[in-house]
């Protein structure tokens, strides 16, 4: 391999690099990551045309897994458990706090407003990262360590679309319907806690709940979860695709990926909330 060429005005960069000083290392790393993301996302049409069977396989595997709930499970069982647990928790905490002011019947407002916009999307994104994301890092990292990805490329198969883009598409198709079902389940579990356990009249609870839940909020929350899923898949697949150092390297990549995913989910949630609802989104009582 020949020596890299540096123009006259930039030869000092080569001098620094030869001495182990990488002045633009972070910038190069960011550019490399962005290039990988662009290659993955721009390959979506190619993947849908040439790798349809692999995409369907990834959708099925990511949705249901091996049929279990925790170990090797899919997104749907996890989302259902999160939805039921989150709705029950919100029902307990919201009623306990509001009942101090004799406003326990307003718990439906918290379920319709707070859960839909913020709590449910964040919980779904974190659950998706923990369940499906780490598994993707381990799978792709194992493929890289065992040279399966190199074998795919030697057969003329484009590794990035076949390995990564198929999982991006599968993540979108798997997480969107599962999130909607989990959100509905959280509504029912919260209503059960407030109306059945705490004895709040069902009509009063439903009045405040129906007053603040709107179709746009559910649609926007689903869009947020889909954005979270794409970000999680890109982060975890990147760490697995470029894993080095054997099994230890795969474990290190999984740790880096889950940390980056958690930060990305919270940051994207803030940006998406501002983009979808603006800086001011007041709660208006009309009844």
C-alpha atoms as a PDB file:
ATOM      1  CA  UNK A   1       0.000   0.000   0.000  1.00  0.00           C
ATOM      2  CA  UNK A   2       1.404   3.383  -0.989  1.00  0.00           C
ATOM      3  CA  UNK A   3       1.969   6.243   1.397  1.00  0.00           C
ATOM      4  CA  UNK A   4      -0.930   8.713   1.738  1.00  0.00           C
ATOM      5  CA  UNK A   5      -0.567  11.936  -0.229  1.00  0.00           C
ATOM      6  CA  UNK A   6      -0.873  15.264   1.554  1.00  0.00           C
ATOM      7  CA  UNK A   7      -0.948  18.593  -0.333  1.00  0.00           C
ATOM      8  CA  UNK A   8       1.778  21.042   0.456  1.00  0.00           C
ATOM      9  CA  UNK A   9      -0.376  23.094   2.792  1.00  0.00           C
ATOM     10  CA  UNK A  10      -1.367  19.996   4.796  1.00  0.00           C
ATOM     11  CA  UNK A  11       1.947  18.168   5.110  1.00  0.00           C
ATOM     12  CA  UNK A  12       2.063  19.052   8.763  1.00  0.00           C
ATOM     13  CA  UNK A  13      -0.913  16.698   9.202  1.00  0.00           C
ATOM     14  CA  UNK A  14       1.190  13.824   7.864  1.00  0.00           C
ATOM     15  CA  UNK A  15       4.046  14.824  10.156  1.00  0.00           C
ATOM     16  CA  UNK A  16       1.710  14.668  13.167  1.00  0.00           C
ATOM     17  CA  UNK A  17       0.212  11.349  12.065  1.00  0.00           C
ATOM     18  CA  UNK A  18       3.638   9.732  11.703  1.00  0.00           C
ATOM     19  CA  UNK A  19       4.336  10.645  15.302  1.00  0.00           C
ATOM     20  CA  UNK A  20       1.082   9.157  16.545  1.00  0.00           C
ATOM     21  CA  UNK A  21      -0.736  12.484  16.918  1.00  0.00           C
ATOM     22  CA  UNK A  22      -4.158  12.313  15.267  1.00  0.00           C
ATOM     23  CA  UNK A  23      -5.401  15.869  15.355  1.00  0.00           C
ATOM     24  CA  UNK A  24      -8.577  15.163  13.401  1.00  0.00           C
ATOM     25  CA  UNK A  25      -9.262  11.700  14.827  1.00  0.00           C
ATOM     26  CA  UNK A  26     -12.682  12.522  16.340  1.00  0.00           C
ATOM     27  CA  UNK A  27     -13.794  14.263  13.139  1.00  0.00           C
ATOM     28  CA  UNK A  28     -12.690  11.289  11.061  1.00  0.00           C
ATOM     29  CA  UNK A  29     -14.582   8.930  13.365  1.00  0.00           C
ATOM     30  CA  UNK A  30     -17.772  10.976  13.084  1.00  0.00           C
ATOM     31  CA  UNK A  31     -17.444  11.043   9.317  1.00  0.00           C
ATOM     32  CA  UNK A  32     -16.918   7.283   9.241  1.00  0.00           C
ATOM     33  CA  UNK A  33     -20.054   6.680  11.336  1.00  0.00           C
ATOM     34  CA  UNK A  34     -22.134   9.041   9.209  1.00  0.00           C
ATOM     35  CA  UNK A  35     -20.863   7.352   6.056  1.00  0.00           C
ATOM     36  CA  UNK A  36     -21.914   3.975   7.439  1.00  0.00           C
ATOM     37  CA  UNK A  37     -25.379   5.297   8.338  1.00  0.00           C
ATOM     38  CA  UNK A  38     -25.800   6.802   4.875  1.00  0.00           C
ATOM     39  CA  UNK A  39     -24.779   3.537   3.245  1.00  0.00           C
ATOM     40  CA  UNK A  40     -27.320   1.641   5.346  1.00  0.00           C
ATOM     41  CA  UNK A  41     -30.255   3.998   4.790  1.00  0.00           C
ATOM     42  CA  UNK A  42     -29.588   4.578   1.098  1.00  0.00           C
ATOM     43  CA  UNK A  43     -29.637   0.808   0.551  1.00  0.00           C
ATOM     44  CA  UNK A  44     -33.281   0.439   1.639  1.00  0.00           C
ATOM     45  CA  UNK A  45     -34.717   0.326  -1.927  1.00  0.00           C
ATOM     46  CA  UNK A  46     -31.992  -2.103  -3.028  1.00  0.00           C
ATOM     47  CA  UNK A  47     -32.664  -4.321  -0.017  1.00  0.00           C
ATOM     48  CA  UNK A  48     -36.422  -4.411  -0.588  1.00  0.00           C
ATOM     49  CA  UNK A  49     -35.846  -5.525  -4.172  1.00  0.00           C
ATOM     50  CA  UNK A  50     -32.987  -8.005  -3.813  1.00  0.00           C
ATOM     51  CA  UNK A  51     -33.192  -9.252  -0.204  1.00  0.00           C
ATOM     52  CA  UNK A  52     -36.924  -9.560   0.405  1.00  0.00           C
ATOM     53  CA  UNK A  53     -36.729 -13.060   1.875  1.00  0.00           C
ATOM     54  CA  UNK A  54     -33.992 -12.074   4.320  1.00  0.00           C
ATOM     55  CA  UNK A  55     -35.996  -8.989   5.321  1.00  0.00           C
ATOM     56  CA  UNK A  56     -39.089 -11.092   6.048  1.00  0.00           C
ATOM     57  CA  UNK A  57     -36.965 -13.492   8.083  1.00  0.00           C
ATOM     58  CA  UNK A  58     -35.583 -10.599  10.120  1.00  0.00           C
ATOM     59  CA  UNK A  59     -39.080  -9.184  10.712  1.00  0.00           C
ATOM     60  CA  UNK A  60     -40.316 -12.534  12.030  1.00  0.00           C
ATOM     61  CA  UNK A  61     -37.253 -13.090  14.191  1.00  0.00           C
ATOM     62  CA  UNK A  62     -37.287  -9.583  15.637  1.00  0.00           C
ATOM     63  CA  UNK A  63     -41.031  -9.640  16.300  1.00  0.00           C
ATOM     64  CA  UNK A  64     -41.411 -13.029  17.957  1.00  0.00           C
ATOM     65  CA  UNK A  65     -37.855 -14.283  18.521  1.00  0.00           C
ATOM     66  CA  UNK A  66     -37.764 -17.888  19.666  1.00  0.00           C
ATOM     67  CA  UNK A  67     -41.207 -17.656  21.198  1.00  0.00           C
ATOM     68  CA  UNK A  68     -39.975 -16.895  24.713  1.00  0.00           C
ATOM     69  CA  UNK A  69     -40.523 -13.746  26.728  1.00  0.00           C
ATOM     70  CA  UNK A  70     -37.091 -12.825  28.107  1.00  0.00           C
ATOM     71  CA  UNK A  71     -34.216 -14.970  26.810  1.00  0.00           C
ATOM     72  CA  UNK A  72     -34.266 -15.004  23.026  1.00  0.00           C
ATOM     73  CA  UNK A  73     -37.690 -13.394  22.934  1.00  0.00           C
ATOM     74  CA  UNK A  74     -39.027 -10.910  20.438  1.00  0.00           C
ATOM     75  CA  UNK A  75     -40.243  -7.343  20.601  1.00  0.00           C
ATOM     76  CA  UNK A  76     -43.963  -8.100  20.968  1.00  0.00           C
ATOM     77  CA  UNK A  77     -43.859  -9.969  24.321  1.00  0.00           C
ATOM     78  CA  UNK A  78     -41.534  -7.338  25.760  1.00  0.00           C
ATOM     79  CA  UNK A  79     -43.736  -4.453  24.615  1.00  0.00           C
ATOM     80  CA  UNK A  80     -46.849  -6.062  26.068  1.00  0.00           C
ATOM     81  CA  UNK A  81     -45.173  -6.557  29.438  1.00  0.00           C
ATOM     82  CA  UNK A  82     -43.849  -2.998  29.439  1.00  0.00           C
ATOM     83  CA  UNK A  83     -47.246  -1.595  28.478  1.00  0.00           C
ATOM     84  CA  UNK A  84     -49.111  -3.412  31.241  1.00  0.00           C
ATOM     85  CA  UNK A  85     -46.500  -2.625  33.900  1.00  0.00           C
ATOM     86  CA  UNK A  86     -46.144   1.015  32.893  1.00  0.00           C
ATOM     87  CA  UNK A  87     -49.904   1.633  32.843  1.00  0.00           C
ATOM     88  CA  UNK A  88     -50.336   0.056  36.263  1.00  0.00           C
ATOM     89  CA  UNK A  89     -47.435   2.073  37.693  1.00  0.00           C
ATOM     90  CA  UNK A  90     -48.818   5.319  36.301  1.00  0.00           C
ATOM     91  CA  UNK A  91     -52.238   4.496  37.700  1.00  0.00           C
ATOM     92  CA  UNK A  92     -50.827   3.906  41.178  1.00  0.00           C
ATOM     93  CA  UNK A  93     -48.522   6.928  41.283  1.00  0.00           C
ATOM     94  CA  UNK A  94     -50.809   9.394  39.503  1.00  0.00           C
ATOM     95  CA  UNK A  95     -53.806   8.590  41.680  1.00  0.00           C
ATOM     96  CA  UNK A  96     -51.744   8.680  44.882  1.00  0.00           C
ATOM     97  CA  UNK A  97     -50.342  12.118  44.033  1.00  0.00           C
ATOM     98  CA  UNK A  98     -53.530  13.695  42.698  1.00  0.00           C
ATOM     99  CA  UNK A  99     -55.736  12.257  45.431  1.00  0.00           C
ATOM    100  CA  UNK A 100     -53.819  14.367  47.952  1.00  0.00           C
ATOM    101  CA  UNK A 101     -55.588  17.325  46.316  1.00  0.00           C
ATOM    102  CA  UNK A 102     -58.873  15.420  45.903  1.00  0.00           C
ATOM    103  CA  UNK A 103     -58.189  15.218  42.160  1.00  0.00           C
ATOM    104  CA  UNK A 104     -57.721  11.477  41.828  1.00  0.00           C
ATOM    105  CA  UNK A 105     -60.223  11.344  38.978  1.00  0.00           C
ATOM    106  CA  UNK A 106     -57.775  13.338  36.857  1.00  0.00           C
ATOM    107  CA  UNK A 107     -55.477  10.311  36.620  1.00  0.00           C
ATOM    108  CA  UNK A 108     -56.933   9.723  33.172  1.00  0.00           C
ATOM    109  CA  UNK A 109     -55.292  12.973  32.074  1.00  0.00           C
ATOM    110  CA  UNK A 110     -51.855  11.646  33.036  1.00  0.00           C
ATOM    111  CA  UNK A 111     -52.477   8.412  31.168  1.00  0.00           C
ATOM    112  CA  UNK A 112     -53.738  10.142  28.036  1.00  0.00           C
ATOM    113  CA  UNK A 113     -51.242  12.991  27.984  1.00  0.00           C
ATOM    114  CA  UNK A 114     -48.002  11.995  29.687  1.00  0.00           C
ATOM    115  CA  UNK A 115     -47.904   8.304  28.839  1.00  0.00           C
ATOM    116  CA  UNK A 116     -48.757   8.828  25.178  1.00  0.00           C
ATOM    117  CA  UNK A 117     -46.310  11.616  24.498  1.00  0.00           C
ATOM    118  CA  UNK A 118     -43.290  10.806  26.629  1.00  0.00           C
ATOM    119  CA  UNK A 119     -43.307   7.810  28.939  1.00  0.00           C
ATOM    120  CA  UNK A 120     -44.473   5.127  26.521  1.00  0.00           C
ATOM    121  CA  UNK A 121     -42.104   6.043  23.639  1.00  0.00           C
ATOM    122  CA  UNK A 122     -39.071   6.257  25.944  1.00  0.00           C
ATOM    123  CA  UNK A 123     -39.895   2.962  27.656  1.00  0.00           C
ATOM    124  CA  UNK A 124     -40.447   1.285  24.296  1.00  0.00           C
ATOM    125  CA  UNK A 125     -37.163   2.614  22.918  1.00  0.00           C
ATOM    126  CA  UNK A 126     -35.159   1.494  25.944  1.00  0.00           C
ATOM    127  CA  UNK A 127     -36.840  -1.904  25.930  1.00  0.00           C
ATOM    128  CA  UNK A 128     -36.135  -2.326  22.225  1.00  0.00           C
ATOM    129  CA  UNK A 129     -32.480  -1.440  22.754  1.00  0.00           C
ATOM    130  CA  UNK A 130     -32.110  -3.869  25.639  1.00  0.00           C
ATOM    131  CA  UNK A 131     -33.964  -6.739  23.994  1.00  0.00           C
ATOM    132  CA  UNK A 132     -33.325  -6.530  20.261  1.00  0.00           C
ATOM    133  CA  UNK A 133     -30.349  -4.160  20.126  1.00  0.00           C
ATOM    134  CA  UNK A 134     -27.898  -6.161  22.215  1.00  0.00           C
ATOM    135  CA  UNK A 135     -28.880  -9.336  20.397  1.00  0.00           C
ATOM    136  CA  UNK A 136     -28.128  -7.672  17.047  1.00  0.00           C
ATOM    137  CA  UNK A 137     -24.710  -6.552  18.262  1.00  0.00           C
ATOM    138  CA  UNK A 138     -23.892 -10.073  19.427  1.00  0.00           C
ATOM    139  CA  UNK A 139     -25.155 -11.691  16.218  1.00  0.00           C
ATOM    140  CA  UNK A 140     -23.365  -9.362  13.823  1.00  0.00           C
ATOM    141  CA  UNK A 141     -20.246  -9.282  15.982  1.00  0.00           C
ATOM    142  CA  UNK A 142     -20.118 -13.070  15.921  1.00  0.00           C
ATOM    143  CA  UNK A 143     -20.524 -12.983  12.153  1.00  0.00           C
ATOM    144  CA  UNK A 144     -17.604 -10.566  11.887  1.00  0.00           C
ATOM    145  CA  UNK A 145     -15.358 -12.565  14.225  1.00  0.00           C
ATOM    146  CA  UNK A 146     -16.102 -15.850  12.449  1.00  0.00           C
ATOM    147  CA  UNK A 147     -15.562 -14.167   9.041  1.00  0.00           C
ATOM    148  CA  UNK A 148     -19.131 -14.838   7.892  1.00  0.00           C
ATOM    149  CA  UNK A 149     -19.425 -11.259   6.643  1.00  0.00           C
ATOM    150  CA  UNK A 150     -16.258 -11.702   4.581  1.00  0.00           C
ATOM    151  CA  UNK A 151     -17.751 -14.911   3.192  1.00  0.00           C
ATOM    152  CA  UNK A 152     -20.902 -13.047   2.138  1.00  0.00           C
ATOM    153  CA  UNK A 153     -18.836 -10.461   0.291  1.00  0.00           C
ATOM    154  CA  UNK A 154     -16.801 -13.188  -1.412  1.00  0.00           C
ATOM    155  CA  UNK A 155     -20.094 -14.587  -2.756  1.00  0.00           C
ATOM    156  CA  UNK A 156     -20.986 -11.221  -4.273  1.00  0.00           C
ATOM    157  CA  UNK A 157     -23.549 -10.330  -1.586  1.00  0.00           C
ATOM    158  CA  UNK A 158     -23.442  -6.750  -0.387  1.00  0.00           C
ATOM    159  CA  UNK A 159     -22.846  -7.167   3.319  1.00  0.00           C
ATOM    160  CA  UNK A 160     -24.236  -3.853   4.577  1.00  0.00           C
ATOM    161  CA  UNK A 161     -27.675  -4.156   2.920  1.00  0.00           C
ATOM    162  CA  UNK A 162     -27.928  -7.884   3.656  1.00  0.00           C
ATOM    163  CA  UNK A 163     -26.835  -7.716   7.292  1.00  0.00           C
ATOM    164  CA  UNK A 164     -27.724  -4.215   8.506  1.00  0.00           C
ATOM    165  CA  UNK A 165     -30.387  -2.683   6.260  1.00  0.00           C
ATOM    166  CA  UNK A 166     -32.606  -5.745   6.582  1.00  0.00           C
ATOM    167  CA  UNK A 167     -32.547  -5.271  10.351  1.00  0.00           C
ATOM    168  CA  UNK A 168     -33.378  -1.565  10.049  1.00  0.00           C
ATOM    169  CA  UNK A 169     -36.467  -2.383   7.985  1.00  0.00           C
ATOM    170  CA  UNK A 170     -37.389  -5.205  10.346  1.00  0.00           C
ATOM    171  CA  UNK A 171     -37.065  -2.923  13.353  1.00  0.00           C
ATOM    172  CA  UNK A 172     -39.520  -0.420  11.888  1.00  0.00           C
ATOM    173  CA  UNK A 173     -42.089  -3.065  10.952  1.00  0.00           C
ATOM    174  CA  UNK A 174     -41.748  -4.862  14.283  1.00  0.00           C
ATOM    175  CA  UNK A 175     -41.807  -1.976  16.720  1.00  0.00           C
ATOM    176  CA  UNK A 176     -44.645   0.175  15.301  1.00  0.00           C
ATOM    177  CA  UNK A 177     -47.622  -2.222  15.697  1.00  0.00           C
ATOM    178  CA  UNK A 178     -46.193  -3.668  18.910  1.00  0.00           C
ATOM    179  CA  UNK A 179     -45.966  -0.181  20.392  1.00  0.00           C
ATOM    180  CA  UNK A 180     -49.569   0.681  19.498  1.00  0.00           C
ATOM    181  CA  UNK A 181     -50.838  -2.521  21.119  1.00  0.00           C
ATOM    182  CA  UNK A 182     -48.683  -1.911  24.196  1.00  0.00           C
ATOM    183  CA  UNK A 183     -49.947   1.676  24.445  1.00  0.00           C
ATOM    184  CA  UNK A 184     -53.561   0.494  24.374  1.00  0.00           C
ATOM    185  CA  UNK A 185     -52.740  -2.122  26.999  1.00  0.00           C
ATOM    186  CA  UNK A 186     -51.211   0.568  29.209  1.00  0.00           C
ATOM    187  CA  UNK A 187     -54.440   2.574  28.943  1.00  0.00           C
ATOM    188  CA  UNK A 188     -56.476  -0.414  30.108  1.00  0.00           C
ATOM    189  CA  UNK A 189     -54.124  -1.307  32.954  1.00  0.00           C
ATOM    190  CA  UNK A 190     -54.080   2.280  34.222  1.00  0.00           C
ATOM    191  CA  UNK A 191     -57.874   2.462  34.031  1.00  0.00           C
ATOM    192  CA  UNK A 192     -58.158  -0.837  35.909  1.00  0.00           C
ATOM    193  CA  UNK A 193     -55.961   0.413  38.755  1.00  0.00           C
ATOM    194  CA  UNK A 194     -57.739   3.755  39.088  1.00  0.00           C
ATOM    195  CA  UNK A 195     -61.340   2.603  38.650  1.00  0.00           C
ATOM    196  CA  UNK A 196     -61.310  -0.917  40.106  1.00  0.00           C
ATOM    197  CA  UNK A 197     -58.623  -0.761  42.788  1.00  0.00           C
ATOM    198  CA  UNK A 198     -59.094   2.850  43.916  1.00  0.00           C
ATOM    199  CA  UNK A 199     -62.829   3.036  43.212  1.00  0.00           C
ATOM    200  CA  UNK A 200     -62.892   6.114  40.968  1.00  0.00           C
ATOM    201  CA  UNK A 201     -66.125   6.294  38.927  1.00  0.00           C
ATOM    202  CA  UNK A 202     -65.536   4.897  35.456  1.00  0.00           C
ATOM    203  CA  UNK A 203     -67.486   7.660  33.764  1.00  0.00           C
ATOM    204  CA  UNK A 204     -65.419  10.394  35.409  1.00  0.00           C
ATOM    205  CA  UNK A 205     -62.144   8.690  34.537  1.00  0.00           C
ATOM    206  CA  UNK A 206     -63.197   8.116  30.927  1.00  0.00           C
ATOM    207  CA  UNK A 207     -64.343  11.729  30.612  1.00  0.00           C
ATOM    208  CA  UNK A 208     -60.931  13.169  31.413  1.00  0.00           C
ATOM    209  CA  UNK A 209     -59.128  10.429  29.519  1.00  0.00           C
ATOM    210  CA  UNK A 210     -61.104  10.910  26.299  1.00  0.00           C
ATOM    211  CA  UNK A 211     -60.757  14.672  26.610  1.00  0.00           C
ATOM    212  CA  UNK A 212     -56.979  14.593  26.282  1.00  0.00           C
ATOM    213  CA  UNK A 213     -56.147  11.584  24.127  1.00  0.00           C
ATOM    214  CA  UNK A 214     -56.132  12.513  20.438  1.00  0.00           C
ATOM    215  CA  UNK A 215     -55.200  10.657  17.293  1.00  0.00           C
ATOM    216  CA  UNK A 216     -52.315  12.983  16.501  1.00  0.00           C
ATOM    217  CA  UNK A 217     -50.616  12.207  19.804  1.00  0.00           C
ATOM    218  CA  UNK A 218     -50.796   8.456  19.167  1.00  0.00           C
ATOM    219  CA  UNK A 219     -49.497   8.889  15.618  1.00  0.00           C
ATOM    220  CA  UNK A 220     -46.670  11.191  16.720  1.00  0.00           C
ATOM    221  CA  UNK A 221     -45.693   8.818  19.531  1.00  0.00           C
ATOM    222  CA  UNK A 222     -45.524   5.955  17.026  1.00  0.00           C
ATOM    223  CA  UNK A 223     -43.284   8.056  14.787  1.00  0.00           C
ATOM    224  CA  UNK A 224     -41.012   8.743  17.760  1.00  0.00           C
ATOM    225  CA  UNK A 225     -40.694   5.041  18.511  1.00  0.00           C
ATOM    226  CA  UNK A 226     -39.876   4.280  14.867  1.00  0.00           C
ATOM    227  CA  UNK A 227     -37.128   6.927  14.946  1.00  0.00           C
ATOM    228  CA  UNK A 228     -35.795   5.416  18.171  1.00  0.00           C
ATOM    229  CA  UNK A 229     -35.804   1.960  16.576  1.00  0.00           C
ATOM    230  CA  UNK A 230     -33.820   3.133  13.545  1.00  0.00           C
ATOM    231  CA  UNK A 231     -31.259   4.866  15.765  1.00  0.00           C
ATOM    232  CA  UNK A 232     -30.917   1.818  18.021  1.00  0.00           C
ATOM    233  CA  UNK A 233     -30.464  -0.562  15.090  1.00  0.00           C
ATOM    234  CA  UNK A 234     -27.840   1.679  13.477  1.00  0.00           C
ATOM    235  CA  UNK A 235     -25.868   2.027  16.709  1.00  0.00           C
ATOM    236  CA  UNK A 236     -25.927  -1.644  17.635  1.00  0.00           C
ATOM    237  CA  UNK A 237     -25.278  -2.899  14.116  1.00  0.00           C
ATOM    238  CA  UNK A 238     -22.349  -0.496  13.753  1.00  0.00           C
ATOM    239  CA  UNK A 239     -20.711  -1.811  16.916  1.00  0.00           C
ATOM    240  CA  UNK A 240     -21.265  -5.395  15.822  1.00  0.00           C
ATOM    241  CA  UNK A 241     -20.254  -4.873  12.194  1.00  0.00           C
ATOM    242  CA  UNK A 242     -16.856  -3.448  13.150  1.00  0.00           C
ATOM    243  CA  UNK A 243     -16.222  -5.613  16.215  1.00  0.00           C
ATOM    244  CA  UNK A 244     -12.630  -6.751  16.746  1.00  0.00           C
ATOM    245  CA  UNK A 245     -10.747  -8.732  19.337  1.00  0.00           C
ATOM    246  CA  UNK A 246     -12.761 -11.926  19.494  1.00  0.00           C
ATOM    247  CA  UNK A 247     -15.609 -12.575  21.963  1.00  0.00           C
ATOM    248  CA  UNK A 248     -14.260  -9.932  24.310  1.00  0.00           C
ATOM    249  CA  UNK A 249     -14.534  -7.351  21.536  1.00  0.00           C
ATOM    250  CA  UNK A 250     -18.154  -8.327  20.925  1.00  0.00           C
ATOM    251  CA  UNK A 251     -18.932  -7.814  24.608  1.00  0.00           C
ATOM    252  CA  UNK A 252     -17.202  -4.435  24.620  1.00  0.00           C
ATOM    253  CA  UNK A 253     -19.152  -3.433  21.513  1.00  0.00           C
ATOM    254  CA  UNK A 254     -22.445  -4.435  23.154  1.00  0.00           C
ATOM    255  CA  UNK A 255     -21.653  -2.274  26.166  1.00  0.00           C
ATOM    256  CA  UNK A 256     -20.752   0.705  24.018  1.00  0.00           C
ATOM    257  CA  UNK A 257     -23.866   0.248  21.909  1.00  0.00           C
ATOM    258  CA  UNK A 258     -26.329   0.122  24.802  1.00  0.00           C
ATOM    259  CA  UNK A 259     -24.789   3.216  26.406  1.00  0.00           C
ATOM    260  CA  UNK A 260     -24.918   5.127  23.141  1.00  0.00           C
ATOM    261  CA  UNK A 261     -28.494   3.943  22.542  1.00  0.00           C
ATOM    262  CA  UNK A 262     -29.731   5.243  25.891  1.00  0.00           C
ATOM    263  CA  UNK A 263     -28.178   8.654  25.273  1.00  0.00           C
ATOM    264  CA  UNK A 264     -29.503   8.758  21.703  1.00  0.00           C
ATOM    265  CA  UNK A 265     -33.045   7.851  22.790  1.00  0.00           C
ATOM    266  CA  UNK A 266     -33.252  10.661  25.342  1.00  0.00           C
ATOM    267  CA  UNK A 267     -31.690  13.198  22.957  1.00  0.00           C
ATOM    268  CA  UNK A 268     -33.938  12.186  20.069  1.00  0.00           C
ATOM    269  CA  UNK A 269     -36.971  12.287  22.359  1.00  0.00           C
ATOM    270  CA  UNK A 270     -36.292  15.911  23.202  1.00  0.00           C
ATOM    271  CA  UNK A 271     -35.794  16.839  19.551  1.00  0.00           C
ATOM    272  CA  UNK A 272     -38.866  14.888  18.407  1.00  0.00           C
ATOM    273  CA  UNK A 273     -41.076  16.399  21.107  1.00  0.00           C
ATOM    274  CA  UNK A 274     -40.094  19.909  20.063  1.00  0.00           C
ATOM    275  CA  UNK A 275     -40.532  19.081  16.369  1.00  0.00           C
ATOM    276  CA  UNK A 276     -43.932  17.401  16.782  1.00  0.00           C
ATOM    277  CA  UNK A 277     -45.555  19.508  19.510  1.00  0.00           C
ATOM    278  CA  UNK A 278     -43.470  22.665  19.662  1.00  0.00           C
ATOM    279  CA  UNK A 279     -42.081  24.455  22.689  1.00  0.00           C
ATOM    280  CA  UNK A 280     -45.518  25.224  24.135  1.00  0.00           C
ATOM    281  CA  UNK A 281     -48.206  22.560  24.310  1.00  0.00           C
ATOM    282  CA  UNK A 282     -50.661  23.579  27.044  1.00  0.00           C
ATOM    283  CA  UNK A 283     -53.165  21.289  28.729  1.00  0.00           C
ATOM    284  CA  UNK A 284     -56.578  22.921  28.349  1.00  0.00           C
ATOM    285  CA  UNK A 285     -59.602  21.960  30.441  1.00  0.00           C
ATOM    286  CA  UNK A 286     -62.760  22.176  28.372  1.00  0.00           C
ATOM    287  CA  UNK A 287     -65.178  20.240  30.595  1.00  0.00           C
END
